Structure formats: C-alpha cells, structure tokens
Amino acid sequence: MNKIVKNFNFMLFGNVFSRIIGVLLTVYLARKFGPSYFGIINFSNAFITYFSMIASMGLQSLGIVKIAKDKENMKKDVDIILSLRTILSIIAFIVLLIVTICINKDINTKKMIVITGISILINSFCLDWVFNALQEMKYISYSIMISSFLSFILVFIPLYLNMYTKIYIVPIASAISSIISNIYLINIYKKKGKHKINFVVDFEQYKDLISAAWPFFFSGIFATINCNIDTLMLGFMRNNYEVGLYNSVYKLVNVLTLFVSFIFVPLYPVFIEYYNNKKFDDISIVINKVRKLMYIIAIPILVVAFTLNQETIRILYGNKYIGASKVFTILIAYVSIFYIREIYGYELTAWGLQKKYMKIVLISSMFNVISNLIFIPKYGINGAAINTLISEVINIVLMYRLSRKTLHIKYDNKYIFHIIISAIFMAIIIYVTKIAATNIFVLIITAGIVYCISILKLKVVTIQEIKGLIGGKK
C-alpha cells in the first residue's frame, strides 16, 4: 500500500502542476487568438488524434500488461514494441499528409494539421508506459512536468513579446517539449535498467503484437470518438468559431478527466496483480477506497456545473465565449459521470475483459456519431454536448453491469447520502454568497470550505483516513 500511495502522490503532484499550466495556456491562447483561431488549433489536435492512435495501435496498454506480468522479459518487450511503433508512426504520418491534402479545409487549417502531426513521429519513442508497468510513477510525473512547463514557456514568451504571433507556435512548442521529455525517460530507462534500445525487425512478432493489442486499439479509437468526434464534426458541419466556443469548455473537461488519471494509473498494475493472484479481498479494499474518493469529487463538480456556469466562462475567457455557458453545464455533468465510470472501466481491462470493454465503448461511440449527424446541423454545440453526456451514461450503465457479473465486490454505499447532503449545503452557500460577492474564486473557496467541513462532520472521511493517506498507511 505504501508504494500505491507514493505513486498516487507523484501522479497527483505531476498532474496538478501540468494541468494548472495547461489551463493557464488554454485561457491565454483562447483570449489571444479569439474563438475562430482557437477553433483551428483544437480542430487540428482532434484531427491528428486518430492518426496517433494508428501509430500506437494499443501497444502501450499491451506493454503495460506484459511487463506487469513478466518483468524478466522487459527489454525484449520494449525493443519490439518501440520498433513496431516507429514503423506505424511513419505510415500514420504519410497517411495524414495524403488525407490533409484531400479534405475541404482552408490552407491555415491544413498547415496546422501537418505541423501538429509531427507529434505522431515524436511520441512513438515515449516510454511512459514502461514506467507505468514498473509502478515507477515519479519518472512519469517528472516527464509530464518537463513537457508542460517547456510547452508553456515556448508558447507564452514568443507570443507575449511579439517575436512570433502565428498559431503555428503552439504545435511547434509542443513538439520540442515532447522531444525533451522523451529523451529524459529514455535516459532513465537506460541508466536504471542498464538497457540499450535496439531496433528489431521481426514481422512474426509484429503480427503477434498487433493481434494481441487490437482490443486495446479499438477501445482507444472508440473512446477517442466519444472524446473528440464532436470537435471534428463541428469543424466540418459548422465553423471554426463554434469549434472555438466548444473547446473553451472541452479543454477544461480534458483537464478534469486527465486529472483523474493520477488516481487510476498507479492503481491499474495493482488491479492486474491482485486479480491474477486472486487477492480479491485486497481488490475490494482498494476499490471501495477509490470509489469513495470518486464520489467525493464528482458530486460537488456537478453542483458547480449548474450554479457557476456563466461566472466560470466569463472569468476565464471573457464575454466572447459566453455562448458556451450551456455547454459548460452539460460537459461538466459528463465529467462527474466519467469519474465514476472510470472505476468500472479500469476494472474490466484489469480483469482481462478488453474485448467486452471495447464492445461497450463501440456502442456508445456509434451512438455519439449517429446522434451528432442528426443534431449538430440544427443544434450546434449544445447538441454535441448533450450527445457526449448521453454516450457516457451508456458507458457507465453497461460497464457497471459487466463488472458486477465478472467479480462481485461488496460496495460500501452508506456515505453517498452524506456526500449529497454536503453538496446541497455547498449549493446553498453558492447561491447565498452570490448576493454579496460576484468573484468566482471567492464563491468556490467559500463553498469548498463548507463542503469539506460537511464531509468531515458527517464522517464521510475521518481525520485518521486523511493522515493514513498522507502517511501511506493501509
């Protein structure tokens, strides 16, 4: 349990640091370029994501499972996976160039797509998945901080000093920072394991890897569809302005959804280990603890979605983006459901049910695509947001049912009512405080303090539990 807590703390620190910088950079870019150019940046990122998935082919997830089960063959697995990813990334980038030439978009957007697509080649050398499998999260945390800090500096300074003011600075900075963070992880891998990275050409092994990784690949594709198909379809069916409005909120959503990874990423290898060794009592203890934490976070987020939508948009992006207020409410509600759903998603993949997980995500992603085709032309960004929310409801219902059938864990639910009561107190405080104060930071801090006091008073969590978490005690 000590190692889990240490990994948790490293991922917490790294993710909080990088997400704060990410939010600052997002807000600055949105204000600097306005909705239309901000829309081009985000459309390009969404567009190249699918080619990045082709380049990775689910091999990182497969690599985590293979190394977590058999650390003795780590070097062999790393060499063959990196070699295959290198080949796939070159193929994916060439396909990206061809498709970009053919699509009906303006020249600025096409240039942006190609420059952003360079990251496909760079990320084929990323070794974060190796350290994930080894449960050495501090190195992942350091690499995240290096990448995010450098990216911020390389974007902010040229724009602020008017040295270079075109939108292309964003992917250029991202590429440079990714190269440096990847070099850092490669050096750590070589020093700690005393391993050299060798390029391996073995088409039989390539075939076996792709055959084993395809459930991870398609699960990733379908999950990506749920995450950013809205941006792509808005870009093709509406305009860059609406893409900019939508992504002013969706960037915040990405921060919040990625934030939860610092909890589940260090736990994922533990889930696999406990399940394979039939330590079902230990699994139950860990899952109940993380489940309580997810509810403690998710329910107040839902309160903020309904009570502080306009205030949040206005303070972050200004009145140019006020049209995204309804989208904020809908997508932050999606985040709350996502937090709970991640419990069951990680369970299913740890239990070896990648194919069934993939089928569930396929169902929800197909719903998302079809409903977007129907509703985006008429309802624009609001229709896209509602479809995303419904897709996540489909995910959580189906994943919960399958998880319960596979391994029946006795969930402790008595604290949920007390969390809801605490959230109601929080909502009341927000509405009352709005009368006297309009500053969103004052509102959130005041409401947050009331919520924390409430969950302590109602014994949702105890001081002893908090001390145990900080101290790493079971």
Protein backbone atom coordinates (compact mmCIF):
# COMPACT_ATOMS: atom_id res chain seq x y z
CA MET A 1 0.00 0.00 0.00
CA ASN A 2 2.97 2.35 0.66
CA LYS A 3 4.03 2.10 -2.98
CA ILE A 4 0.48 2.79 -4.17
CA VAL A 5 0.32 5.94 -2.04
CA LYS A 6 3.76 7.12 -3.19
CA ASN A 7 2.77 6.62 -6.83
CA PHE A 8 -0.53 8.37 -6.13
CA ASN A 9 1.31 11.36 -4.65
CA PHE A 10 3.78 11.57 -7.53
CA MET A 11 0.99 11.44 -10.11
CA LEU A 12 -1.01 13.95 -8.07
CA PHE A 13 1.84 16.45 -7.98
CA GLY A 14 2.80 15.98 -11.63
CA ASN A 15 -0.75 16.16 -12.92
CA VAL A 16 -1.78 19.12 -10.77
CA PHE A 17 1.31 21.03 -11.91
CA SER A 18 0.81 20.23 -15.59
CA ARG A 19 -2.96 20.80 -15.54
CA ILE A 20 -2.60 24.21 -13.91
CA ILE A 21 -0.10 25.19 -16.59
CA GLY A 22 -2.39 23.67 -19.23
CA VAL A 23 -5.37 25.72 -18.07
CA LEU A 24 -3.30 28.91 -17.99
CA LEU A 25 -2.03 28.27 -21.52
CA THR A 26 -5.51 27.38 -22.81
CA VAL A 27 -7.03 30.54 -21.37
CA TYR A 28 -4.20 32.67 -22.73
CA LEU A 29 -4.47 31.18 -26.24
CA ALA A 30 -8.27 31.49 -26.28
CA ARG A 31 -8.10 35.17 -25.31
CA LYS A 32 -5.11 35.90 -27.56
CA PHE A 33 -6.47 34.37 -30.79
CA GLY A 34 -10.25 34.53 -30.27
CA PRO A 35 -12.80 31.74 -30.92
CA SER A 36 -12.11 31.21 -34.65
CA TYR A 37 -8.33 30.73 -34.50
CA PHE A 38 -8.66 28.90 -31.19
CA GLY A 39 -11.04 26.63 -33.07
CA ILE A 40 -8.39 25.88 -35.73
CA ILE A 41 -5.90 24.86 -33.03
CA ASN A 42 -8.36 22.46 -31.45
CA PHE A 43 -9.71 21.06 -34.72
CA SER A 44 -6.14 20.20 -35.76
CA ASN A 45 -5.46 18.45 -32.45
CA ALA A 46 -8.67 16.44 -32.77
CA PHE A 47 -7.94 15.55 -36.39
CA ILE A 48 -4.45 14.11 -35.81
CA THR A 49 -5.58 12.11 -32.76
CA TYR A 50 -6.90 9.27 -34.92
CA PHE A 51 -3.63 9.01 -36.81
CA SER A 52 -1.80 8.96 -33.47
CA MET A 53 -3.98 6.01 -32.50
CA ILE A 54 -2.90 4.18 -35.66
CA ALA A 55 0.72 4.88 -34.74
CA SER A 56 0.31 3.48 -31.23
CA MET A 57 -2.10 0.62 -32.15
CA GLY A 58 -2.84 -0.02 -28.45
CA LEU A 59 0.72 -1.25 -27.95
CA GLN A 60 1.34 0.85 -24.82
CA SER A 61 -1.57 -0.74 -22.99
CA LEU A 62 -0.47 -4.19 -24.10
CA GLY A 63 3.07 -3.38 -23.00
CA ILE A 64 1.88 -2.43 -19.51
CA VAL A 65 0.09 -5.76 -19.14
CA LYS A 66 3.04 -7.78 -20.49
CA ILE A 67 5.66 -6.11 -18.30
CA ALA A 68 3.44 -6.12 -15.19
CA LYS A 69 3.05 -9.90 -15.60
CA ASP A 70 6.65 -10.69 -16.63
CA LYS A 71 9.35 -8.16 -15.79
CA GLU A 72 12.15 -10.56 -16.78
CA ASN A 73 11.41 -10.06 -20.49
CA MET A 74 11.02 -6.28 -20.23
CA LYS A 75 13.91 -5.36 -22.57
CA LYS A 76 12.65 -7.72 -25.26
CA ASP A 77 9.12 -6.30 -24.99
CA VAL A 78 10.34 -2.68 -25.04
CA ASP A 79 12.56 -3.21 -28.09
CA ILE A 80 9.93 -4.92 -30.21
CA ILE A 81 7.12 -2.54 -29.22
CA LEU A 82 9.22 0.59 -29.88
CA SER A 83 10.34 -0.83 -33.23
CA LEU A 84 6.80 -1.57 -34.34
CA ARG A 85 5.56 1.83 -33.12
CA THR A 86 8.29 3.58 -35.13
CA ILE A 87 7.17 1.86 -38.33
CA LEU A 88 3.50 2.52 -37.60
CA SER A 89 4.14 6.20 -36.85
CA ILE A 90 5.84 6.73 -40.22
CA ILE A 91 2.93 5.04 -42.00
CA ALA A 92 0.39 7.07 -39.99
CA PHE A 93 2.14 10.38 -40.78
CA ILE A 94 2.24 9.63 -44.51
CA VAL A 95 -1.48 8.78 -44.48
CA LEU A 96 -2.13 12.01 -42.55
CA LEU A 97 -0.38 14.06 -45.26
CA ILE A 98 -2.45 12.43 -48.01
CA VAL A 99 -5.76 12.89 -46.17
CA THR A 100 -4.94 16.51 -45.28
CA ILE A 101 -4.39 17.36 -48.94
CA CYS A 102 -7.79 15.88 -49.82
CA ILE A 103 -10.04 17.41 -47.14
CA ASN A 104 -12.08 20.55 -47.78
CA LYS A 105 -10.47 22.96 -45.31
CA ASP A 106 -8.68 26.30 -45.63
CA ILE A 107 -4.90 26.49 -46.05
CA ASN A 108 -4.29 27.71 -42.47
CA THR A 109 -6.07 24.68 -41.06
CA LYS A 110 -4.19 22.30 -43.37
CA LYS A 111 -0.82 23.78 -42.38
CA MET A 112 -1.80 23.50 -38.73
CA ILE A 113 -2.76 19.83 -39.13
CA VAL A 114 0.56 18.91 -40.75
CA ILE A 115 2.69 20.73 -38.17
CA THR A 116 0.66 19.27 -35.31
CA GLY A 117 1.00 15.82 -36.91
CA ILE A 118 4.77 15.83 -36.36
CA SER A 119 3.95 14.79 -32.79
CA ILE A 120 2.92 11.38 -34.18
CA LEU A 121 6.55 10.65 -35.06
CA ILE A 122 7.91 12.07 -31.81
CA ASN A 123 5.56 10.20 -29.48
CA SER A 124 6.47 6.81 -30.94
CA PHE A 125 9.57 6.98 -28.70
CA CYS A 126 7.70 7.79 -25.48
CA LEU A 127 8.43 5.27 -22.68
CA ASP A 128 5.93 6.40 -20.05
CA TRP A 129 4.08 3.08 -20.37
CA VAL A 130 7.21 1.18 -19.27
CA PHE A 131 7.45 3.11 -16.00
CA ASN A 132 3.71 2.69 -15.54
CA ALA A 133 4.13 -1.10 -15.70
CA LEU A 134 7.05 -0.92 -13.26
CA GLN A 135 4.98 1.28 -10.92
CA GLU A 136 7.72 3.96 -11.06
CA MET A 137 5.34 6.88 -11.39
CA LYS A 138 7.79 9.55 -10.27
CA TYR A 139 9.56 9.45 -13.63
CA ILE A 140 6.28 9.81 -15.49
CA SER A 141 5.42 12.72 -13.22
CA TYR A 142 8.76 14.43 -13.89
CA SER A 143 8.39 13.96 -17.65
CA ILE A 144 4.87 15.42 -17.57
CA MET A 145 6.13 18.48 -15.69
CA ILE A 146 9.08 18.94 -18.06
CA SER A 147 6.84 18.76 -21.12
CA SER A 148 4.10 21.04 -19.80
CA PHE A 149 6.48 23.68 -18.43
CA LEU A 150 8.58 23.85 -21.60
CA SER A 151 5.48 23.97 -23.78
CA PHE A 152 4.11 26.90 -21.78
CA ILE A 153 7.39 28.84 -21.93
CA LEU A 154 7.93 28.19 -25.64
CA VAL A 155 4.41 29.43 -26.45
CA PHE A 156 3.97 32.27 -23.98
CA ILE A 157 7.29 34.10 -24.40
CA PRO A 158 7.21 34.44 -28.25
CA LEU A 159 3.55 35.49 -28.20
CA TYR A 160 3.89 37.90 -25.27
CA LEU A 161 7.00 39.56 -26.73
CA ASN A 162 5.51 39.53 -30.27
CA MET A 163 8.51 37.53 -31.52
CA TYR A 164 6.22 35.09 -33.35
CA THR A 165 2.45 35.57 -33.28
CA LYS A 166 1.04 32.87 -35.58
CA ILE A 167 -0.96 29.92 -34.28
CA TYR A 168 1.73 27.51 -35.53
CA ILE A 169 3.78 28.33 -32.42
CA VAL A 170 1.50 26.00 -30.43
CA PRO A 171 2.34 22.67 -32.16
CA ILE A 172 5.98 23.69 -32.63
CA ALA A 173 6.38 24.27 -28.89
CA SER A 174 4.57 21.03 -28.12
CA ALA A 175 6.88 19.06 -30.42
CA ILE A 176 10.04 20.48 -28.85
CA SER A 177 8.84 19.86 -25.29
CA SER A 178 7.81 16.28 -26.17
CA ILE A 179 11.24 15.53 -27.63
CA ILE A 180 12.96 16.71 -24.45
CA SER A 181 10.64 14.81 -22.09
CA ASN A 182 11.02 11.64 -24.20
CA ILE A 183 14.82 11.93 -24.07
CA TYR A 184 14.57 12.23 -20.28
CA LEU A 185 12.56 8.98 -19.99
CA ILE A 186 14.86 7.12 -22.39
CA ASN A 187 17.91 8.13 -20.35
CA ILE A 188 16.27 6.97 -17.11
CA TYR A 189 15.35 3.65 -18.74
CA LYS A 190 18.96 3.13 -19.89
CA LYS A 191 20.51 4.09 -16.55
CA LYS A 192 18.17 2.19 -14.25
CA GLY A 193 17.89 -0.99 -16.27
CA LYS A 194 21.29 -0.71 -17.96
CA HIS A 195 19.46 -1.48 -21.19
CA LYS A 196 20.18 -0.33 -24.70
CA ILE A 197 17.28 0.20 -27.07
CA ASN A 198 17.63 -1.91 -30.20
CA PHE A 199 15.56 -1.72 -33.36
CA VAL A 200 14.10 -5.16 -34.04
CA VAL A 201 12.72 -6.28 -37.40
CA ASP A 202 10.58 -9.37 -36.86
CA PHE A 203 7.32 -9.46 -38.77
CA GLU A 204 6.09 -12.56 -36.97
CA GLN A 205 6.41 -10.79 -33.63
CA TYR A 206 4.82 -7.67 -35.13
CA LYS A 207 1.87 -9.78 -36.21
CA ASP A 208 1.54 -11.36 -32.75
CA LEU A 209 1.69 -7.96 -31.03
CA ILE A 210 -0.96 -6.40 -33.26
CA SER A 211 -3.15 -9.47 -32.82
CA ALA A 212 -2.90 -9.14 -29.02
CA ALA A 213 -3.20 -5.34 -28.97
CA TRP A 214 -6.19 -4.83 -31.27
CA PRO A 215 -8.78 -4.82 -28.44
CA PHE A 216 -6.80 -2.01 -26.77
CA PHE A 217 -6.54 -0.21 -30.11
CA PHE A 218 -10.23 -0.32 -30.93
CA SER A 219 -11.20 0.52 -27.34
CA GLY A 220 -8.94 3.55 -27.65
CA ILE A 221 -10.41 4.51 -31.02
CA PHE A 222 -13.97 4.27 -29.75
CA ALA A 223 -13.10 6.15 -26.56
CA THR A 224 -11.42 8.85 -28.68
CA ILE A 225 -14.56 9.12 -30.80
CA ASN A 226 -16.52 9.78 -27.62
CA CYS A 227 -13.97 12.40 -26.58
CA ASN A 228 -13.39 14.46 -29.71
CA ILE A 229 -15.69 13.44 -32.53
CA ASP A 230 -17.75 16.49 -31.56
CA THR A 231 -14.87 18.81 -32.42
CA LEU A 232 -14.28 17.13 -35.78
CA MET A 233 -17.94 17.14 -36.76
CA LEU A 234 -18.42 20.74 -35.64
CA GLY A 235 -15.37 21.65 -37.74
CA PHE A 236 -16.79 20.03 -40.86
CA MET A 237 -20.52 20.70 -40.31
CA ARG A 238 -20.47 24.15 -38.64
CA ASN A 239 -17.47 26.52 -38.42
CA ASN A 240 -14.20 27.29 -36.61
CA TYR A 241 -15.96 29.83 -34.37
CA GLU A 242 -18.23 27.18 -32.85
CA VAL A 243 -15.29 24.80 -32.55
CA GLY A 244 -13.54 27.50 -30.53
CA LEU A 245 -16.54 28.03 -28.24
CA TYR A 246 -17.00 24.30 -27.71
CA ASN A 247 -13.33 23.70 -26.95
CA SER A 248 -13.11 26.56 -24.48
CA VAL A 249 -15.16 24.21 -22.30
CA TYR A 250 -13.79 20.93 -23.59
CA LYS A 251 -10.24 21.95 -22.71
CA LEU A 252 -11.39 22.29 -19.12
CA VAL A 253 -13.10 18.91 -19.43
CA ASN A 254 -9.84 17.36 -20.67
CA VAL A 255 -8.01 18.77 -17.68
CA LEU A 256 -10.58 17.34 -15.29
CA THR A 257 -10.75 13.92 -16.97
CA LEU A 258 -6.97 13.62 -17.23
CA PHE A 259 -6.69 14.75 -13.62
CA VAL A 260 -8.39 11.52 -12.53
CA SER A 261 -5.65 9.50 -14.24
CA PHE A 262 -3.25 10.21 -11.38
CA ILE A 263 -5.54 8.05 -9.24
CA PHE A 264 -6.13 5.18 -11.64
CA VAL A 265 -2.79 4.97 -13.49
CA PRO A 266 -0.82 3.87 -10.39
CA LEU A 267 -3.65 1.53 -9.38
CA TYR A 268 -4.00 -0.23 -12.74
CA PRO A 269 -0.95 -2.54 -12.38
CA VAL A 270 -2.10 -3.25 -8.81
CA PHE A 271 -5.56 -4.30 -10.05
CA ILE A 272 -3.90 -6.66 -12.54
CA GLU A 273 -1.55 -8.13 -9.93
CA TYR A 274 -4.27 -8.64 -7.29
CA TYR A 275 -6.68 -10.18 -9.78
CA ASN A 276 -4.11 -12.57 -11.26
CA ASN A 277 -3.06 -13.65 -7.75
CA LYS A 278 -6.71 -13.97 -6.66
CA LYS A 279 -6.32 -11.41 -3.87
CA PHE A 280 -9.99 -10.48 -4.07
CA ASP A 281 -10.19 -9.10 -0.51
CA ASP A 282 -7.36 -6.68 -1.28
CA ILE A 283 -9.07 -5.66 -4.53
CA SER A 284 -12.28 -4.95 -2.61
CA ILE A 285 -10.48 -2.74 -0.08
CA VAL A 286 -8.67 -0.69 -2.74
CA ILE A 287 -11.72 -0.28 -4.99
CA ASN A 288 -14.00 0.81 -2.15
CA LYS A 289 -11.49 3.46 -1.10
CA VAL A 290 -11.06 4.84 -4.60
CA ARG A 291 -14.82 4.66 -5.22
CA LYS A 292 -15.50 6.81 -2.17
CA LEU A 293 -12.90 9.33 -3.38
CA MET A 294 -14.54 9.49 -6.82
CA TYR A 295 -17.95 10.26 -5.33
CA ILE A 296 -16.45 12.91 -3.04
CA ILE A 297 -15.01 14.66 -6.11
CA ALA A 298 -17.76 14.01 -8.68
CA ILE A 299 -20.83 15.23 -6.80
CA PRO A 300 -19.59 18.77 -5.96
CA ILE A 301 -18.35 19.13 -9.56
CA LEU A 302 -21.94 18.54 -10.61
CA VAL A 303 -23.04 21.36 -8.28
CA VAL A 304 -20.55 23.77 -9.88
CA ALA A 305 -21.80 22.81 -13.35
CA PHE A 306 -25.29 24.10 -12.57
CA THR A 307 -24.54 27.03 -10.27
CA LEU A 308 -21.42 28.72 -11.71
CA ASN A 309 -21.53 28.15 -15.47
CA GLN A 310 -21.67 31.75 -16.72
CA GLU A 311 -19.35 33.02 -14.00
CA THR A 312 -16.70 30.43 -14.88
CA ILE A 313 -16.80 31.15 -18.62
CA ARG A 314 -16.72 34.91 -18.13
CA ILE A 315 -13.80 34.95 -15.68
CA LEU A 316 -11.70 32.54 -17.74
CA TYR A 317 -12.38 33.54 -21.34
CA GLY A 318 -14.30 36.81 -21.31
CA ASN A 319 -17.64 37.74 -22.86
CA LYS A 320 -16.59 36.49 -26.33
CA TYR A 321 -17.14 32.94 -25.08
CA ILE A 322 -20.33 33.44 -23.03
CA GLY A 323 -22.22 31.43 -25.68
CA ALA A 324 -20.53 28.32 -24.25
CA SER A 325 -22.28 28.57 -20.84
CA LYS A 326 -24.86 25.84 -21.52
CA VAL A 327 -22.15 23.61 -22.95
CA PHE A 328 -20.21 24.11 -19.70
CA THR A 329 -23.12 22.78 -17.62
CA ILE A 330 -23.65 19.75 -19.85
CA LEU A 331 -20.00 18.75 -20.22
CA ILE A 332 -19.11 19.21 -16.55
CA ALA A 333 -22.03 16.90 -15.77
CA TYR A 334 -20.37 14.47 -18.20
CA VAL A 335 -17.14 14.75 -16.17
CA SER A 336 -18.96 13.74 -12.98
CA ILE A 337 -20.28 10.59 -14.63
CA PHE A 338 -16.88 9.88 -16.20
CA TYR A 339 -15.20 9.92 -12.77
CA ILE A 340 -17.49 7.15 -11.53
CA ARG A 341 -17.34 5.23 -14.82
CA GLU A 342 -13.54 5.03 -14.73
CA ILE A 343 -13.79 2.67 -11.75
CA TYR A 344 -15.60 0.06 -13.83
CA GLY A 345 -13.56 0.71 -16.99
CA TYR A 346 -10.24 0.04 -15.25
CA GLU A 347 -11.73 -3.00 -13.52
CA LEU A 348 -12.80 -4.56 -16.82
CA THR A 349 -9.42 -4.13 -18.53
CA ALA A 350 -7.56 -5.35 -15.42
CA TRP A 351 -9.81 -8.43 -15.32
CA GLY A 352 -8.80 -9.22 -18.92
CA LEU A 353 -12.12 -8.18 -20.50
CA GLN A 354 -10.66 -5.82 -23.10
CA LYS A 355 -12.84 -7.20 -25.90
CA LYS A 356 -16.06 -6.74 -23.96
CA TYR A 357 -14.90 -3.29 -22.84
CA MET A 358 -14.26 -2.48 -26.49
CA LYS A 359 -17.78 -3.54 -27.48
CA ILE A 360 -19.30 -1.26 -24.84
CA VAL A 361 -17.28 1.73 -25.99
CA LEU A 362 -18.19 0.86 -29.59
CA ILE A 363 -21.89 1.06 -28.73
CA SER A 364 -21.57 4.46 -27.04
CA SER A 365 -19.26 5.90 -29.71
CA MET A 366 -21.57 4.81 -32.54
CA PHE A 367 -24.47 6.45 -30.71
CA ASN A 368 -22.36 9.60 -30.43
CA VAL A 369 -21.54 9.70 -34.14
CA ILE A 370 -25.08 8.98 -35.34
CA SER A 371 -26.72 11.42 -32.93
CA ASN A 372 -24.18 14.11 -33.86
CA LEU A 373 -25.04 13.68 -37.54
CA ILE A 374 -28.67 14.29 -36.64
CA PHE A 375 -28.41 17.07 -34.05
CA ILE A 376 -25.24 19.09 -34.78
CA PRO A 377 -26.56 20.67 -38.03
CA LYS A 378 -29.57 22.06 -36.14
CA TYR A 379 -28.42 22.49 -32.52
CA GLY A 380 -24.68 23.03 -32.95
CA ILE A 381 -22.51 22.96 -29.83
CA ASN A 382 -25.40 22.29 -27.42
CA GLY A 383 -26.48 19.23 -29.40
CA ALA A 384 -22.89 17.93 -29.46
CA ALA A 385 -22.56 18.35 -25.69
CA ILE A 386 -25.82 16.52 -24.92
CA ASN A 387 -24.80 13.62 -27.16
CA THR A 388 -21.48 13.33 -25.31
CA LEU A 389 -23.29 13.23 -21.97
CA ILE A 390 -25.73 10.52 -23.11
CA SER A 391 -22.83 8.46 -24.52
CA GLU A 392 -21.16 8.45 -21.12
CA VAL A 393 -24.40 7.38 -19.43
CA ILE A 394 -24.47 4.40 -21.82
CA ASN A 395 -20.87 3.58 -20.87
CA ILE A 396 -21.38 3.64 -17.12
CA VAL A 397 -24.56 1.54 -17.21
CA LEU A 398 -23.09 -1.21 -19.39
CA MET A 399 -19.66 -1.26 -17.70
CA TYR A 400 -21.19 -1.40 -14.23
CA ARG A 401 -23.36 -4.38 -15.17
CA LEU A 402 -20.47 -6.31 -16.74
CA SER A 403 -18.12 -5.53 -13.85
CA ARG A 404 -20.63 -6.81 -11.30
CA LYS A 405 -21.15 -10.02 -13.27
CA THR A 406 -17.40 -10.67 -13.51
CA LEU A 407 -16.31 -10.01 -9.92
CA HIS A 408 -18.96 -9.17 -7.35
CA ILE A 409 -17.41 -6.65 -4.98
CA LYS A 410 -19.47 -5.59 -1.98
CA TYR A 411 -19.70 -1.83 -2.36
CA ASP A 412 -19.98 0.43 0.66
CA ASN A 413 -22.75 2.93 -0.26
CA LYS A 414 -23.72 4.42 3.09
CA TYR A 415 -21.55 7.52 2.60
CA ILE A 416 -23.21 8.58 -0.71
CA PHE A 417 -26.24 10.13 1.01
CA HIS A 418 -23.96 12.18 3.27
CA ILE A 419 -21.96 13.40 0.26
CA ILE A 420 -25.20 14.54 -1.40
CA ILE A 421 -26.22 16.41 1.78
CA SER A 422 -22.79 18.11 1.86
CA ALA A 423 -23.19 19.07 -1.81
CA ILE A 424 -26.62 20.58 -1.11
CA PHE A 425 -25.06 22.73 1.64
CA MET A 426 -22.43 23.75 -0.90
CA ALA A 427 -25.06 24.77 -3.47
CA ILE A 428 -26.97 26.84 -0.89
CA ILE A 429 -23.78 28.64 0.11
CA ILE A 430 -23.03 29.44 -3.55
CA TYR A 431 -26.47 30.97 -4.13
CA VAL A 432 -26.33 32.95 -0.87
CA THR A 433 -22.77 34.15 -1.47
CA LYS A 434 -23.70 35.29 -4.99
CA ILE A 435 -25.82 38.02 -3.41
CA ALA A 436 -22.82 39.57 -1.66
CA ALA A 437 -19.94 38.57 -3.95
CA THR A 438 -19.57 38.04 -7.69
CA ASN A 439 -15.93 36.91 -7.71
CA ILE A 440 -15.92 33.25 -8.73
CA PHE A 441 -12.82 32.47 -6.69
CA VAL A 442 -14.49 33.76 -3.53
CA LEU A 443 -17.59 31.69 -4.35
CA ILE A 444 -15.67 28.48 -4.99
CA ILE A 445 -13.35 28.82 -1.99
CA THR A 446 -16.24 29.58 0.37
CA ALA A 447 -18.38 26.75 -0.97
CA GLY A 448 -15.41 24.37 -0.99
CA ILE A 449 -14.65 25.06 2.67
CA VAL A 450 -18.28 24.41 3.60
CA TYR A 451 -18.26 21.16 1.61
CA CYS A 452 -15.04 19.91 3.23
CA ILE A 453 -16.31 20.72 6.72
CA SER A 454 -19.59 18.94 5.94
CA ILE A 455 -17.99 15.69 4.77
CA LEU A 456 -15.79 15.69 7.87
CA LYS A 457 -18.68 16.43 10.22
CA LEU A 458 -20.86 13.78 8.57
CA LYS A 459 -17.90 11.36 8.78
CA VAL A 460 -17.73 10.65 5.07
CA VAL A 461 -14.00 10.70 5.70
CA THR A 462 -12.17 10.93 9.00
CA ILE A 463 -9.02 12.74 10.03
CA GLN A 464 -7.42 9.33 10.59
CA GLU A 465 -8.15 8.32 6.98
CA ILE A 466 -6.58 11.54 5.70
CA LYS A 467 -3.50 11.01 7.87
CA GLY A 468 -3.30 7.42 6.66
CA LEU A 469 -3.42 8.55 3.03
CA ILE A 470 -0.70 11.15 3.53
CA GLY A 471 1.42 8.79 5.59
CA GLY A 472 0.94 5.84 3.27
CA LYS A 473 -0.68 3.55 5.82
CA LYS A 474 -3.11 0.89 4.81
